[in-house]
Structures are given as C-alpha cells and as structure tokens.
Amino acid sequence: MNPGSAAMITLLLGIHWILNALEFFVVAWVILSWVAFFMQRSSFRWKHRRVFDTVVILNQFFETTTRPILGPFRRVLPPWKTGGIDFSPLLLLFVIYLLKTFLSLAFPLR
C-alpha cells in the first residue's frame, strides 16, 4: 500500500467518523429535547430534580453543539412554515446519509 492511498483511507475514515458523531449528536439532541420538554410540563421535574437538571444540561450541551450545523437547514425549512415542527434535524440526517452513501460508492474501502 502506497502512502497516498493510506492517507486517503485515513481521511475517508476520519470523515466517516465525523459524520457518525454528528449523526449521534443530532439524534441525542432530538430525543433529549423531547424528554426535557415533557419533564418540564409534568411533576417529574419537582420529584426528581437531579435527573431533570442532568437532562436539561445534556440537552443544552447537544443543542449548542448542533445549532451551528442545523442553522442553514433551519433557514431552508423554518419551523414557522412547517406548523411549528422543526424538520431541520431530519433534513440534516438525510444529508448525512447521502454523504455517507456517496463516499462509500465513490471511494470503496477494500
């Protein structure tokens, strides 16, 4: 294996790893935002204050991490045009899927 192909494989694996991490962060943020939303509107937040605070902190972390990436997708598909539902995470996950598919087809790792 020549050094050029090893560098290319390393680069592609790095891009794939970054896309997987981004996918995880988006899915985690979506789930945590719904959990925090329902915890906030029930008596759970008063009965289990530590758990609620932990969920809120994790939600804020994932939100601040994914907000810069979701920004362009929110401009394309703003929540106020879609009945108040934010479809930008779904659109981002679809773009990540397309990028991963393109990379695996264009540069197969054998």
PDB file of N, CA and C in Angstrom:
ATOM      1  N   MET A   1       0.866  -1.174   0.000  1.00  0.00           N
ATOM      2  CA  MET A   1       0.000   0.000   0.000  1.00  0.00           C
ATOM      3  C   MET A   1       0.907   1.230   0.000  1.00  0.00           C
ATOM      4  N   ASN A   2       0.654   2.109  -0.934  1.00  0.00           N
ATOM      5  CA  ASN A   2       1.485   3.313  -1.010  1.00  0.00           C
ATOM      6  C   ASN A   2       0.992   4.367  -0.018  1.00  0.00           C
ATOM      7  N   PRO A   3       1.848   5.328   0.318  1.00  0.00           N
ATOM      8  CA  PRO A   3       1.468   6.342   1.314  1.00  0.00           C
ATOM      9  C   PRO A   3       0.273   7.193   0.899  1.00  0.00           C
ATOM     10  N   GLY A   4       0.102   7.422  -0.394  1.00  0.00           N
ATOM     11  CA  GLY A   4      -1.039   8.222  -0.856  1.00  0.00           C
ATOM     12  C   GLY A   4      -2.363   7.546  -0.577  1.00  0.00           C
ATOM     13  N   SER A   5      -2.423   6.235  -0.818  1.00  0.00           N
ATOM     14  CA  SER A   5      -3.685   5.533  -0.569  1.00  0.00           C
ATOM     15  C   SER A   5      -3.939   5.377   0.932  1.00  0.00           C
ATOM     16  N   ALA A   6      -2.878   5.233   1.712  1.00  0.00           N
ATOM     17  CA  ALA A   6      -3.054   5.151   3.167  1.00  0.00           C
ATOM     18  C   ALA A   6      -3.581   6.471   3.714  1.00  0.00           C
ATOM     19  N   ALA A   7      -3.077   7.574   3.181  1.00  0.00           N
ATOM     20  CA  ALA A   7      -3.561   8.890   3.618  1.00  0.00           C
ATOM     21  C   ALA A   7      -5.013   9.087   3.208  1.00  0.00           C
ATOM     22  N   MET A   8      -5.362   8.620   2.004  1.00  0.00           N
ATOM     23  CA  MET A   8      -6.739   8.754   1.528  1.00  0.00           C
ATOM     24  C   MET A   8      -7.688   7.918   2.382  1.00  0.00           C
ATOM     25  N   ILE A   9      -7.269   6.712   2.728  1.00  0.00           N
ATOM     26  CA  ILE A   9      -8.099   5.856   3.576  1.00  0.00           C
ATOM     27  C   ILE A   9      -8.275   6.488   4.951  1.00  0.00           C
ATOM     28  N   THR A  10      -7.203   7.037   5.494  1.00  0.00           N
ATOM     29  CA  THR A  10      -7.285   7.705   6.793  1.00  0.00           C
ATOM     30  C   THR A  10      -8.225   8.898   6.733  1.00  0.00           C
ATOM     31  N   LEU A  11      -8.127   9.678   5.669  1.00  0.00           N
ATOM     32  CA  LEU A  11      -9.005  10.838   5.501  1.00  0.00           C
ATOM     33  C   LEU A  11     -10.468  10.411   5.391  1.00  0.00           C
ATOM     34  N   LEU A  12     -10.741   9.391   4.591  1.00  0.00           N
ATOM     35  CA  LEU A  12     -12.119   8.923   4.424  1.00  0.00           C
ATOM     36  C   LEU A  12     -12.680   8.344   5.722  1.00  0.00           C
ATOM     37  N   LEU A  13     -11.858   7.610   6.446  1.00  0.00           N
ATOM     38  CA  LEU A  13     -12.319   7.080   7.732  1.00  0.00           C
ATOM     39  C   LEU A  13     -12.570   8.206   8.728  1.00  0.00           C
ATOM     40  N   GLY A  14     -11.745   9.240   8.690  1.00  0.00           N
ATOM     41  CA  GLY A  14     -11.964  10.400   9.560  1.00  0.00           C
ATOM     42  C   GLY A  14     -13.256  11.118   9.231  1.00  0.00           C
ATOM     43  N   ILE A  15     -13.521  11.313   7.941  1.00  0.00           N
ATOM     44  CA  ILE A  15     -14.774  11.957   7.523  1.00  0.00           C
ATOM     45  C   ILE A  15     -15.968  11.099   7.935  1.00  0.00           C
ATOM     46  N   HIS A  16     -15.852   9.802   7.741  1.00  0.00           N
ATOM     47  CA  HIS A  16     -16.939   8.891   8.116  1.00  0.00           C
ATOM     48  C   HIS A  16     -17.179   8.933   9.628  1.00  0.00           C
ATOM     49  N   TRP A  17     -16.101   8.984  10.415  1.00  0.00           N
ATOM     50  CA  TRP A  17     -16.227   9.059  11.866  1.00  0.00           C
ATOM     51  C   TRP A  17     -16.896  10.367  12.287  1.00  0.00           C
ATOM     52  N   ILE A  18     -16.516  11.473  11.656  1.00  0.00           N
ATOM     53  CA  ILE A  18     -17.125  12.773  11.971  1.00  0.00           C
ATOM     54  C   ILE A  18     -18.611  12.762  11.633  1.00  0.00           C
ATOM     55  N   LEU A  19     -18.972  12.179  10.492  1.00  0.00           N
ATOM     56  CA  LEU A  19     -20.387  12.105  10.113  1.00  0.00           C
ATOM     57  C   LEU A  19     -21.170  11.228  11.090  1.00  0.00           C
ATOM     58  N   ASN A  20     -20.566  10.128  11.540  1.00  0.00           N
ATOM     59  CA  ASN A  20     -21.237   9.278  12.537  1.00  0.00           C
ATOM     60  C   ASN A  20     -21.429  10.017  13.854  1.00  0.00           C
ATOM     61  N   ALA A  21     -20.413  10.761  14.284  1.00  0.00           N
ATOM     62  CA  ALA A  21     -20.527  11.524  15.530  1.00  0.00           C
ATOM     63  C   ALA A  21     -21.601  12.598  15.408  1.00  0.00           C
ATOM     64  N   LEU A  22     -21.636  13.272  14.273  1.00  0.00           N
ATOM     65  CA  LEU A  22     -22.654  14.300  14.048  1.00  0.00           C
ATOM     66  C   LEU A  22     -24.049  13.689  14.048  1.00  0.00           C
ATOM     67  N   GLU A  23     -24.178  12.544  13.431  1.00  0.00           N
ATOM     68  CA  GLU A  23     -25.461  11.837  13.418  1.00  0.00           C
ATOM     69  C   GLU A  23     -25.895  11.482  14.846  1.00  0.00           C
ATOM     70  N   PHE A  24     -24.969  10.996  15.651  1.00  0.00           N
ATOM     71  CA  PHE A  24     -25.272  10.671  17.046  1.00  0.00           C
ATOM     72  C   PHE A  24     -25.696  11.919  17.816  1.00  0.00           C
ATOM     73  N   PHE A  25     -24.975  13.021  17.632  1.00  0.00           N
ATOM     74  CA  PHE A  25     -25.294  14.250  18.362  1.00  0.00           C
ATOM     75  C   PHE A  25     -26.683  14.762  17.998  1.00  0.00           C
ATOM     76  N   VAL A  26     -27.035  14.697  16.731  1.00  0.00           N
ATOM     77  CA  VAL A  26     -28.355  15.180  16.305  1.00  0.00           C
ATOM     78  C   VAL A  26     -29.460  14.303  16.893  1.00  0.00           C
ATOM     79  N   VAL A  27     -29.305  12.991  16.809  1.00  0.00           N
ATOM     80  CA  VAL A  27     -30.326  12.082  17.347  1.00  0.00           C
ATOM     81  C   VAL A  27     -30.431  12.236  18.866  1.00  0.00           C
ATOM     82  N   ALA A  28     -29.296  12.354  19.548  1.00  0.00           N
ATOM     83  CA  ALA A  28     -29.319  12.542  21.002  1.00  0.00           C
ATOM     84  C   ALA A  28     -30.006  13.847  21.366  1.00  0.00           C
ATOM     85  N   TRP A  29     -29.730  14.914  20.621  1.00  0.00           N
ATOM     86  CA  TRP A  29     -30.368  16.195  20.923  1.00  0.00           C
ATOM     87  C   TRP A  29     -31.880  16.132  20.702  1.00  0.00           C
ATOM     88  N   VAL A  30     -32.303  15.501  19.622  1.00  0.00           N
ATOM     89  CA  VAL A  30     -33.743  15.395  19.350  1.00  0.00           C
ATOM     90  C   VAL A  30     -34.441  14.635  20.481  1.00  0.00           C
ATOM     91  N   ILE A  31     -33.881  13.510  20.877  1.00  0.00           N
ATOM     92  CA  ILE A  31     -34.501  12.712  21.940  1.00  0.00           C
ATOM     93  C   ILE A  31     -34.497  13.471  23.263  1.00  0.00           C
ATOM     94  N   LEU A  32     -33.357  14.064  23.612  1.00  0.00           N
ATOM     95  CA  LEU A  32     -33.274  14.791  24.883  1.00  0.00           C
ATOM     96  C   LEU A  32     -34.166  16.026  24.905  1.00  0.00           C
ATOM     97  N   SER A  33     -34.332  16.677  23.769  1.00  0.00           N
ATOM     98  CA  SER A  33     -35.200  17.861  23.763  1.00  0.00           C
ATOM     99  C   SER A  33     -36.653  17.472  24.028  1.00  0.00           C
ATOM    100  N   TRP A  34     -37.086  16.337  23.491  1.00  0.00           N
ATOM    101  CA  TRP A  34     -38.448  15.882  23.766  1.00  0.00           C
ATOM    102  C   TRP A  34     -38.590  15.422  25.212  1.00  0.00           C
ATOM    103  N   VAL A  35     -37.588  14.709  25.722  1.00  0.00           N
ATOM    104  CA  VAL A  35     -37.645  14.256  27.117  1.00  0.00           C
ATOM    105  C   VAL A  35     -37.682  15.455  28.054  1.00  0.00           C
ATOM    106  N   ALA A  36     -36.824  16.446  27.810  1.00  0.00           N
ATOM    107  CA  ALA A  36     -36.808  17.645  28.658  1.00  0.00           C
ATOM    108  C   ALA A  36     -38.124  18.403  28.556  1.00  0.00           C
ATOM    109  N   PHE A  37     -38.689  18.462  27.360  1.00  0.00           N
ATOM    110  CA  PHE A  37     -39.964  19.153  27.164  1.00  0.00           C
ATOM    111  C   PHE A  37     -41.062  18.523  28.013  1.00  0.00           C
ATOM    112  N   PHE A  38     -41.170  17.200  27.980  1.00  0.00           N
ATOM    113  CA  PHE A  38     -42.229  16.535  28.737  1.00  0.00           C
ATOM    114  C   PHE A  38     -41.934  16.502  30.236  1.00  0.00           C
ATOM    115  N   MET A  39     -40.658  16.443  30.607  1.00  0.00           N
ATOM    116  CA  MET A  39     -40.317  16.513  32.030  1.00  0.00           C
ATOM    117  C   MET A  39     -40.684  17.876  32.603  1.00  0.00           C
ATOM    118  N   GLN A  40     -40.481  18.904  31.811  1.00  0.00           N
ATOM    119  CA  GLN A  40     -40.747  20.263  32.270  1.00  0.00           C
ATOM    120  C   GLN A  40     -42.232  20.499  32.508  1.00  0.00           C
ATOM    121  N   ARG A  41     -43.074  19.816  31.779  1.00  0.00           N
ATOM    122  CA  ARG A  41     -44.510  20.025  31.879  1.00  0.00           C
ATOM    123  C   ARG A  41     -45.210  19.010  32.776  1.00  0.00           C
ATOM    124  N   SER A  42     -44.444  18.258  33.530  1.00  0.00           N
ATOM    125  CA  SER A  42     -45.041  17.292  34.453  1.00  0.00           C
ATOM    126  C   SER A  42     -44.466  17.515  35.852  1.00  0.00           C
ATOM    127  N   SER A  43     -44.904  16.715  36.775  1.00  0.00           N
ATOM    128  CA  SER A  43     -44.397  16.839  38.144  1.00  0.00           C
ATOM    129  C   SER A  43     -43.049  16.144  38.314  1.00  0.00           C
ATOM    130  N   PHE A  44     -42.562  15.519  37.254  1.00  0.00           N
ATOM    131  CA  PHE A  44     -41.284  14.803  37.328  1.00  0.00           C
ATOM    132  C   PHE A  44     -40.148  15.729  37.730  1.00  0.00           C
ATOM    133  N   ARG A  45     -40.170  16.955  37.221  1.00  0.00           N
ATOM    134  CA  ARG A  45     -39.056  17.868  37.500  1.00  0.00           C
ATOM    135  C   ARG A  45     -38.983  18.257  38.966  1.00  0.00           C
ATOM    136  N   TRP A  46     -40.096  18.204  39.683  1.00  0.00           N
ATOM    137  CA  TRP A  46     -40.073  18.526  41.111  1.00  0.00           C
ATOM    138  C   TRP A  46     -39.744  17.292  41.947  1.00  0.00           C
ATOM    139  N   LYS A  47     -40.195  16.128  41.497  1.00  0.00           N
ATOM    140  CA  LYS A  47     -39.965  14.905  42.266  1.00  0.00           C
ATOM    141  C   LYS A  47     -38.539  14.378  42.101  1.00  0.00           C
ATOM    142  N   HIS A  48     -37.974  14.550  40.914  1.00  0.00           N
ATOM    143  CA  HIS A  48     -36.637  14.032  40.601  1.00  0.00           C
ATOM    144  C   HIS A  48     -35.784  15.175  40.055  1.00  0.00           C
ATOM    145  N   ARG A  49     -35.456  16.098  40.904  1.00  0.00           N
ATOM    146  CA  ARG A  49     -34.782  17.333  40.493  1.00  0.00           C
ATOM    147  C   ARG A  49     -33.409  17.072  39.871  1.00  0.00           C
ATOM    148  N   ARG A  50     -32.628  16.148  40.442  1.00  0.00           N
ATOM    149  CA  ARG A  50     -31.287  15.875  39.904  1.00  0.00           C
ATOM    150  C   ARG A  50     -31.356  15.302  38.497  1.00  0.00           C
ATOM    151  N   VAL A  51     -32.259  14.379  38.287  1.00  0.00           N
ATOM    152  CA  VAL A  51     -32.407  13.781  36.955  1.00  0.00           C
ATOM    153  C   VAL A  51     -32.839  14.847  35.960  1.00  0.00           C
ATOM    154  N   PHE A  52     -33.791  15.676  36.352  1.00  0.00           N
ATOM    155  CA  PHE A  52     -34.261  16.742  35.473  1.00  0.00           C
ATOM    156  C   PHE A  52     -33.132  17.710  35.139  1.00  0.00           C
ATOM    157  N   ASP A  53     -32.355  18.113  36.140  1.00  0.00           N
ATOM    158  CA  ASP A  53     -31.243  19.034  35.895  1.00  0.00           C
ATOM    159  C   ASP A  53     -30.197  18.420  34.970  1.00  0.00           C
ATOM    160  N   THR A  54     -29.930  17.134  35.139  1.00  0.00           N
ATOM    161  CA  THR A  54     -28.971  16.449  34.273  1.00  0.00           C
ATOM    162  C   THR A  54     -29.468  16.406  32.836  1.00  0.00           C
ATOM    163  N   VAL A  55     -30.743  16.099  32.646  1.00  0.00           N
ATOM    164  CA  VAL A  55     -31.312  16.059  31.298  1.00  0.00           C
ATOM    165  C   VAL A  55     -31.264  17.444  30.656  1.00  0.00           C
ATOM    166  N   VAL A  56     -31.551  18.479  31.420  1.00  0.00           N
ATOM    167  CA  VAL A  56     -31.518  19.844  30.884  1.00  0.00           C
ATOM    168  C   VAL A  56     -30.096  20.234  30.492  1.00  0.00           C
ATOM    169  N   ILE A  57     -29.113  19.888  31.319  1.00  0.00           N
ATOM    170  CA  ILE A  57     -27.717  20.208  30.999  1.00  0.00           C
ATOM    171  C   ILE A  57     -27.267  19.467  29.744  1.00  0.00           C
ATOM    172  N   LEU A  58     -27.596  18.182  29.646  1.00  0.00           N
ATOM    173  CA  LEU A  58     -27.249  17.419  28.441  1.00  0.00           C
ATOM    174  C   LEU A  58     -27.951  17.977  27.209  1.00  0.00           C
ATOM    175  N   ASN A  59     -29.208  18.365  27.362  1.00  0.00           N
ATOM    176  CA  ASN A  59     -29.956  18.949  26.257  1.00  0.00           C
ATOM    177  C   ASN A  59     -29.295  20.245  25.793  1.00  0.00           C
ATOM    178  N   GLN A  60     -28.882  21.088  26.729  1.00  0.00           N
ATOM    179  CA  GLN A  60     -28.218  22.338  26.361  1.00  0.00           C
ATOM    180  C   GLN A  60     -26.886  22.073  25.668  1.00  0.00           C
ATOM    181  N   PHE A  61     -26.145  21.074  26.139  1.00  0.00           N
ATOM    182  CA  PHE A  61     -24.873  20.730  25.509  1.00  0.00           C
ATOM    183  C   PHE A  61     -25.075  20.292  24.061  1.00  0.00           C
ATOM    184  N   PHE A  62     -26.000  19.354  23.848  1.00  0.00           N
ATOM    185  CA  PHE A  62     -26.230  18.866  22.493  1.00  0.00           C
ATOM    186  C   PHE A  62     -26.837  19.949  21.603  1.00  0.00           C
ATOM    187  N   GLU A  63     -27.660  20.812  22.177  1.00  0.00           N
ATOM    188  CA  GLU A  63     -28.244  21.897  21.387  1.00  0.00           C
ATOM    189  C   GLU A  63     -27.177  22.891  20.944  1.00  0.00           C
ATOM    190  N   THR A  64     -26.295  23.294  21.851  1.00  0.00           N
ATOM    191  CA  THR A  64     -25.248  24.241  21.464  1.00  0.00           C
ATOM    192  C   THR A  64     -24.237  23.605  20.520  1.00  0.00           C
ATOM    193  N   THR A  65     -24.077  22.297  20.586  1.00  0.00           N
ATOM    194  CA  THR A  65     -23.165  21.610  19.677  1.00  0.00           C
ATOM    195  C   THR A  65     -23.745  21.507  18.273  1.00  0.00           C
ATOM    196  N   THR A  66     -25.033  21.243  18.169  1.00  0.00           N
ATOM    197  CA  THR A  66     -25.636  21.033  16.849  1.00  0.00           C
ATOM    198  C   THR A  66     -26.231  22.297  16.238  1.00  0.00           C
ATOM    199  N   ARG A  67     -26.407  23.347  17.013  1.00  0.00           N
ATOM    200  CA  ARG A  67     -27.036  24.571  16.499  1.00  0.00           C
ATOM    201  C   ARG A  67     -26.306  25.175  15.289  1.00  0.00           C
ATOM    202  N   PRO A  68     -24.963  25.291  15.295  1.00  0.00           N
ATOM    203  CA  PRO A  68     -24.304  25.870  14.117  1.00  0.00           C
ATOM    204  C   PRO A  68     -24.497  25.036  12.851  1.00  0.00           C
ATOM    205  N   ILE A  69     -24.606  23.736  13.010  1.00  0.00           N
ATOM    206  CA  ILE A  69     -24.767  22.866  11.847  1.00  0.00           C
ATOM    207  C   ILE A  69     -26.213  22.875  11.365  1.00  0.00           C
ATOM    208  N   LEU A  70     -27.155  22.984  12.292  1.00  0.00           N
ATOM    209  CA  LEU A  70     -28.573  22.992  11.926  1.00  0.00           C
ATOM    210  C   LEU A  70     -29.037  24.348  11.408  1.00  0.00           C
ATOM    211  N   GLY A  71     -28.269  25.402  11.640  1.00  0.00           N
ATOM    212  CA  GLY A  71     -28.668  26.751  11.229  1.00  0.00           C
ATOM    213  C   GLY A  71     -29.029  26.876   9.758  1.00  0.00           C
ATOM    214  N   PRO A  72     -28.160  26.443   8.840  1.00  0.00           N
ATOM    215  CA  PRO A  72     -28.516  26.545   7.415  1.00  0.00           C
ATOM    216  C   PRO A  72     -29.758  25.737   7.045  1.00  0.00           C
ATOM    217  N   PHE A  73     -29.949  24.603   7.698  1.00  0.00           N
ATOM    218  CA  PHE A  73     -31.122  23.786   7.404  1.00  0.00           C
ATOM    219  C   PHE A  73     -32.394  24.432   7.947  1.00  0.00           C
ATOM    220  N   ARG A  74     -32.268  25.162   9.043  1.00  0.00           N
ATOM    221  CA  ARG A  74     -33.429  25.889   9.577  1.00  0.00           C
ATOM    222  C   ARG A  74     -33.800  27.064   8.682  1.00  0.00           C
ATOM    223  N   ARG A  75     -32.822  27.644   8.005  1.00  0.00           N
ATOM    224  CA  ARG A  75     -33.143  28.723   7.063  1.00  0.00           C
ATOM    225  C   ARG A  75     -33.870  28.175   5.839  1.00  0.00           C
ATOM    226  N   VAL A  76     -33.516  26.970   5.417  1.00  0.00           N
ATOM    227  CA  VAL A  76     -34.188  26.350   4.270  1.00  0.00           C
ATOM    228  C   VAL A  76     -35.593  25.908   4.651  1.00  0.00           C
ATOM    229  N   LEU A  77     -35.744  25.372   5.850  1.00  0.00           N
ATOM    230  CA  LEU A  77     -37.014  24.804   6.299  1.00  0.00           C
ATOM    231  C   LEU A  77     -37.354  25.338   7.690  1.00  0.00           C
ATOM    232  N   PRO A  78     -37.774  26.608   7.793  1.00  0.00           N
ATOM    233  CA  PRO A  78     -38.029  27.191   9.121  1.00  0.00           C
ATOM    234  C   PRO A  78     -39.247  26.562   9.795  1.00  0.00           C
ATOM    235  N   PRO A  79     -39.200  26.425  11.135  1.00  0.00           N
ATOM    236  CA  PRO A  79     -40.311  25.790  11.861  1.00  0.00           C
ATOM    237  C   PRO A  79     -41.634  26.533  11.719  1.00  0.00           C
ATOM    238  N   TRP A  80     -41.601  27.846  11.551  1.00  0.00           N
ATOM    239  CA  TRP A  80     -42.862  28.581  11.456  1.00  0.00           C
ATOM    240  C   TRP A  80     -43.565  28.326  10.132  1.00  0.00           C
ATOM    241  N   LYS A  81     -42.868  27.767   9.144  1.00  0.00           N
ATOM    242  CA  LYS A  81     -43.515  27.421   7.873  1.00  0.00           C
ATOM    243  C   LYS A  81     -43.997  25.974   7.845  1.00  0.00           C
ATOM    244  N   THR A  82     -43.612  25.200   8.833  1.00  0.00           N
ATOM    245  CA  THR A  82     -43.980  23.783   8.856  1.00  0.00           C
ATOM    246  C   THR A  82     -44.879  23.452  10.042  1.00  0.00           C
ATOM    247  N   GLY A  83     -45.696  24.380  10.444  1.00  0.00           N
ATOM    248  CA  GLY A  83     -46.646  24.141  11.526  1.00  0.00           C
ATOM    249  C   GLY A  83     -46.005  24.069  12.899  1.00  0.00           C
ATOM    250  N   GLY A  84     -44.862  24.693  13.081  1.00  0.00           N
ATOM    251  CA  GLY A  84     -44.205  24.708  14.378  1.00  0.00           C
ATOM    252  C   GLY A  84     -43.306  23.519  14.647  1.00  0.00           C
ATOM    253  N   ILE A  85     -43.235  22.584  13.719  1.00  0.00           N
ATOM    254  CA  ILE A  85     -42.384  21.411  13.895  1.00  0.00           C
ATOM    255  C   ILE A  85     -41.068  21.663  13.172  1.00  0.00           C
ATOM    256  N   ASP A  86     -39.971  21.418  13.860  1.00  0.00           N
ATOM    257  CA  ASP A  86     -38.643  21.648  13.302  1.00  0.00           C
ATOM    258  C   ASP A  86     -38.177  20.390  12.573  1.00  0.00           C
ATOM    259  N   PHE A  87     -38.215  20.442  11.253  1.00  0.00           N
ATOM    260  CA  PHE A  87     -37.778  19.304  10.447  1.00  0.00           C
ATOM    261  C   PHE A  87     -36.310  19.389  10.051  1.00  0.00           C
ATOM    262  N   SER A  88     -35.597  20.403  10.532  1.00  0.00           N
ATOM    263  CA  SER A  88     -34.196  20.564  10.142  1.00  0.00           C
ATOM    264  C   SER A  88     -33.311  19.394  10.596  1.00  0.00           C
ATOM    265  N   PRO A  89     -33.513  18.783  11.780  1.00  0.00           N
ATOM    266  CA  PRO A  89     -32.695  17.611  12.110  1.00  0.00           C
ATOM    267  C   PRO A  89     -32.923  16.447  11.145  1.00  0.00           C
ATOM    268  N   LEU A  90     -34.154  16.259  10.727  1.00  0.00           N
ATOM    269  CA  LEU A  90     -34.449  15.195   9.773  1.00  0.00           C
ATOM    270  C   LEU A  90     -33.765  15.466   8.437  1.00  0.00           C
ATOM    271  N   LEU A  91     -33.793  16.717   8.003  1.00  0.00           N
ATOM    272  CA  LEU A  91     -33.129  17.097   6.755  1.00  0.00           C
ATOM    273  C   LEU A  91     -31.619  16.908   6.874  1.00  0.00           C
ATOM    274  N   LEU A  92     -31.043  17.283   8.008  1.00  0.00           N
ATOM    275  CA  LEU A  92     -29.607  17.093   8.219  1.00  0.00           C
ATOM    276  C   LEU A  92     -29.244  15.612   8.227  1.00  0.00           C
ATOM    277  N   LEU A  93     -30.044  14.783   8.885  1.00  0.00           N
ATOM    278  CA  LEU A  93     -29.772  13.344   8.894  1.00  0.00           C
ATOM    279  C   LEU A  93     -29.854  12.756   7.491  1.00  0.00           C
ATOM    280  N   PHE A  94     -30.766  13.264   6.680  1.00  0.00           N
ATOM    281  CA  PHE A  94     -30.867  12.804   5.294  1.00  0.00           C
ATOM    282  C   PHE A  94     -29.623  13.203   4.502  1.00  0.00           C
ATOM    283  N   VAL A  95     -29.138  14.420   4.701  1.00  0.00           N
ATOM    284  CA  VAL A  95     -27.924  14.874   4.010  1.00  0.00           C
ATOM    285  C   VAL A  95     -26.715  14.056   4.464  1.00  0.00           C
ATOM    286  N   ILE A  96     -26.634  13.749   5.757  1.00  0.00           N
ATOM    287  CA  ILE A  96     -25.537  12.909   6.254  1.00  0.00           C
ATOM    288  C   ILE A  96     -25.600  11.530   5.610  1.00  0.00           C
ATOM    289  N   TYR A  97     -26.798  10.975   5.513  1.00  0.00           N
ATOM    290  CA  TYR A  97     -26.967   9.672   4.860  1.00  0.00           C
ATOM    291  C   TYR A  97     -26.505   9.730   3.406  1.00  0.00           C
ATOM    292  N   LEU A  98     -26.889  10.798   2.695  1.00  0.00           N
ATOM    293  CA  LEU A  98     -26.462  10.938   1.301  1.00  0.00           C
ATOM    294  C   LEU A  98     -24.946  11.070   1.188  1.00  0.00           C
ATOM    295  N   LEU A  99     -24.334  11.843   2.076  1.00  0.00           N
ATOM    296  CA  LEU A  99     -22.878  11.998   2.051  1.00  0.00           C
ATOM    297  C   LEU A  99     -22.168  10.675   2.327  1.00  0.00           C
ATOM    298  N   LYS A 100     -22.651   9.927   3.310  1.00  0.00           N
ATOM    299  CA  LYS A 100     -22.035   8.641   3.622  1.00  0.00           C
ATOM    300  C   LYS A 100     -22.198   7.656   2.469  1.00  0.00           C
ATOM    301  N   THR A 101     -23.361   7.669   1.838  1.00  0.00           N
ATOM    302  CA  THR A 101     -23.586   6.794   0.691  1.00  0.00           C
ATOM    303  C   THR A 101     -22.685   7.185  -0.471  1.00  0.00           C
ATOM    304  N   PHE A 102     -22.586   8.490  -0.742  1.00  0.00           N
ATOM    305  CA  PHE A 102     -21.720   8.960  -1.824  1.00  0.00           C
ATOM    306  C   PHE A 102     -20.266   8.576  -1.564  1.00  0.00           C
ATOM    307  N   LEU A 103     -19.796   8.780  -0.340  1.00  0.00           N
ATOM    308  CA  LEU A 103     -18.405   8.449  -0.028  1.00  0.00           C
ATOM    309  C   LEU A 103     -18.138   6.955  -0.153  1.00  0.00           C
ATOM    310  N   SER A 104     -19.082   6.129   0.275  1.00  0.00           N
ATOM    311  CA  SER A 104     -18.860   4.683   0.189  1.00  0.00           C
ATOM    312  C   SER A 104     -18.928   4.180  -1.252  1.00  0.00           C
ATOM    313  N   LEU A 105     -19.718   4.852  -2.103  1.00  0.00           N
ATOM    314  CA  LEU A 105     -19.781   4.443  -3.508  1.00  0.00           C
ATOM    315  C   LEU A 105     -18.624   5.017  -4.323  1.00  0.00           C
ATOM    316  N   ALA A 106     -18.247   6.251  -4.052  1.00  0.00           N
ATOM    317  CA  ALA A 106     -17.183   6.890  -4.822  1.00  0.00           C
ATOM    318  C   ALA A 106     -15.801   6.378  -4.428  1.00  0.00           C
ATOM    319  N   PHE A 107     -15.621   6.081  -3.158  1.00  0.00           N
ATOM    320  CA  PHE A 107     -14.322   5.628  -2.660  1.00  0.00           C
ATOM    321  C   PHE A 107     -14.500   4.365  -1.829  1.00  0.00           C
ATOM    322  N   PRO A 108     -14.706   3.216  -2.475  1.00  0.00           N
ATOM    323  CA  PRO A 108     -14.891   1.985  -1.692  1.00  0.00           C
ATOM    324  C   PRO A 108     -13.584   1.605  -0.987  1.00  0.00           C
ATOM    325  N   LEU A 109     -13.699   1.267   0.280  1.00  0.00           N
ATOM    326  CA  LEU A 109     -12.529   0.873   1.067  1.00  0.00           C
ATOM    327  C   LEU A 109     -12.394  -0.641   1.017  1.00  0.00           C
ATOM    328  N   ARG A 110     -11.410  -1.115   0.250  1.00  0.00           N
ATOM    329  CA  ARG A 110     -11.193  -2.563   0.123  1.00  0.00           C
ATOM    330  C   ARG A 110      -9.818  -2.924   0.571  1.00  0.00           C
TER     331      ARG A 110
END
